[in-house]
Amino acid sequence: MATTSITIRMDEKLKKQAELLFEDMGLNMTTAFTMFAKAVVRQNKIPFEITADPFFAESNIRILEERIAKIESGQSVPKEHDLNSLKISKELLLTE
C-alpha cells in the first residue's frame, strides 16, 4: 500500500497535549490520525458528535429543564448574574 504525507496546522499546546495522550495509549500522531481517517471512511461520518455551542448540549438542556421545573414549582429562585461574563455551569444557572 502506497502512503502519502499530509500537513496539519494546529495550536502548539493542543499538539503537545494530543501527543502526550496518544503516547499514553501507545500511539503516535500518525497512527491516531490514520485511525480517525479510517473510522470516517468506514462510518461515512465524523465518528463523534460535533456541537457548535455547549449551551445546547444534551446534558445542559437536561439541567435547564430541571431548573425551569423547580422555578415553576416554586422550589427555586433564579440567581442574578452578569450575562457578559456568564459561563454555563450548574452553579451559575440558578440557586436552589
Protein backbone atom coordinates (compact mmCIF):
# COMPACT_ATOMS: atom_id res chain seq x y z
CA MET A 1 0.00 0.00 0.00
CA ALA A 2 1.43 3.36 -1.04
CA THR A 3 1.49 6.10 1.58
CA THR A 4 1.35 9.87 1.34
CA SER A 5 2.14 12.77 3.65
CA ILE A 6 -0.22 15.46 4.89
CA THR A 7 0.39 18.70 6.76
CA ILE A 8 -1.95 19.74 9.56
CA ARG A 9 -1.81 23.09 11.31
CA MET A 10 -2.93 23.30 14.93
CA ASP A 11 -2.20 25.16 18.12
CA GLU A 12 1.19 24.11 19.53
CA LYS A 13 -0.20 23.48 23.02
CA LEU A 14 -3.00 21.31 21.62
CA LYS A 15 -0.47 19.30 19.60
CA LYS A 16 1.66 18.65 22.68
CA GLN A 17 -1.39 17.65 24.73
CA ALA A 18 -2.54 15.26 22.00
CA GLU A 19 0.93 13.74 21.63
CA LEU A 20 1.11 13.07 25.37
CA LEU A 21 -2.34 11.48 25.38
CA PHE A 22 -1.59 9.37 22.31
CA GLU A 23 1.70 8.29 23.88
CA ASP A 24 -0.21 7.10 26.97
CA MET A 25 -2.32 5.00 24.59
CA GLY A 26 0.74 3.59 22.86
CA LEU A 27 0.08 5.62 19.70
CA ASN A 28 1.85 8.34 17.79
CA MET A 29 0.21 11.24 15.98
CA THR A 30 0.34 9.48 12.59
CA THR A 31 -1.33 6.33 13.90
CA ALA A 32 -4.01 8.30 15.76
CA PHE A 33 -4.93 10.38 12.70
CA THR A 34 -4.88 7.29 10.48
CA MET A 35 -7.31 5.61 12.90
CA PHE A 36 -9.51 8.71 12.72
CA ALA A 37 -9.46 8.74 8.90
CA LYS A 38 -10.28 5.02 8.72
CA ALA A 39 -13.20 5.49 11.11
CA VAL A 40 -14.51 8.39 8.98
CA VAL A 41 -14.36 6.29 5.82
CA ARG A 42 -15.82 3.16 7.46
CA GLN A 43 -18.71 5.03 9.12
CA ASN A 44 -19.15 7.59 6.34
CA LYS A 45 -19.30 10.33 9.00
CA ILE A 46 -17.24 12.05 11.67
CA PRO A 47 -17.06 9.33 14.35
CA PHE A 48 -18.11 11.63 17.19
CA GLU A 49 -20.69 14.33 17.82
CA ILE A 50 -19.72 17.87 16.88
CA THR A 51 -21.66 20.66 18.53
CA ALA A 52 -21.41 24.34 17.78
CA ASP A 53 -22.37 25.56 21.23
CA PRO A 54 -22.08 23.68 24.54
CA PHE A 55 -25.20 25.53 25.71
CA PHE A 56 -27.26 23.20 23.51
CA ALA A 57 -25.53 20.02 24.72
CA GLU A 58 -27.98 17.35 25.85
CA SER A 59 -26.58 17.39 29.40
CA ASN A 60 -27.05 21.16 29.68
CA ILE A 61 -30.58 21.01 28.25
CA ARG A 62 -31.48 18.44 30.94
CA ILE A 63 -30.07 20.73 33.65
CA LEU A 64 -32.00 23.70 32.25
CA GLU A 65 -35.24 21.71 32.08
CA GLU A 66 -34.79 20.54 35.68
CA ARG A 67 -34.09 24.10 36.84
CA ILE A 68 -37.08 25.51 34.95
CA ALA A 69 -39.32 22.87 36.54
CA LYS A 70 -38.02 23.85 40.00
CA ILE A 71 -38.67 27.54 39.31
CA GLU A 72 -42.17 26.83 38.01
CA SER A 73 -42.95 24.71 41.07
CA GLY A 74 -41.60 27.39 43.42
CA GLN A 75 -38.76 25.18 44.69
CA SER A 76 -36.05 27.51 43.33
CA VAL A 77 -35.43 31.18 42.65
CA PRO A 78 -33.39 32.46 39.66
CA LYS A 79 -29.92 33.72 40.54
CA GLU A 80 -28.83 37.15 39.28
CA HIS A 81 -25.70 37.18 37.12
CA ASP A 82 -23.72 39.25 34.65
CA LEU A 83 -24.69 37.92 31.20
CA ASN A 84 -21.50 39.34 29.68
CA SER A 85 -19.35 37.02 31.78
CA LEU A 86 -21.74 34.08 32.09
CA LYS A 87 -20.17 30.65 31.78
CA ILE A 88 -22.52 27.70 31.56
CA SER A 89 -22.30 25.64 34.71
CA LYS A 90 -24.70 24.21 37.22
CA GLU A 91 -23.64 26.73 39.87
CA LEU A 92 -24.28 29.76 37.67
CA LEU A 93 -27.63 28.74 36.25
CA LEU A 94 -29.75 29.01 39.39
CA THR A 95 -29.59 28.73 43.15
CA GLU A 96 -31.68 26.16 44.91
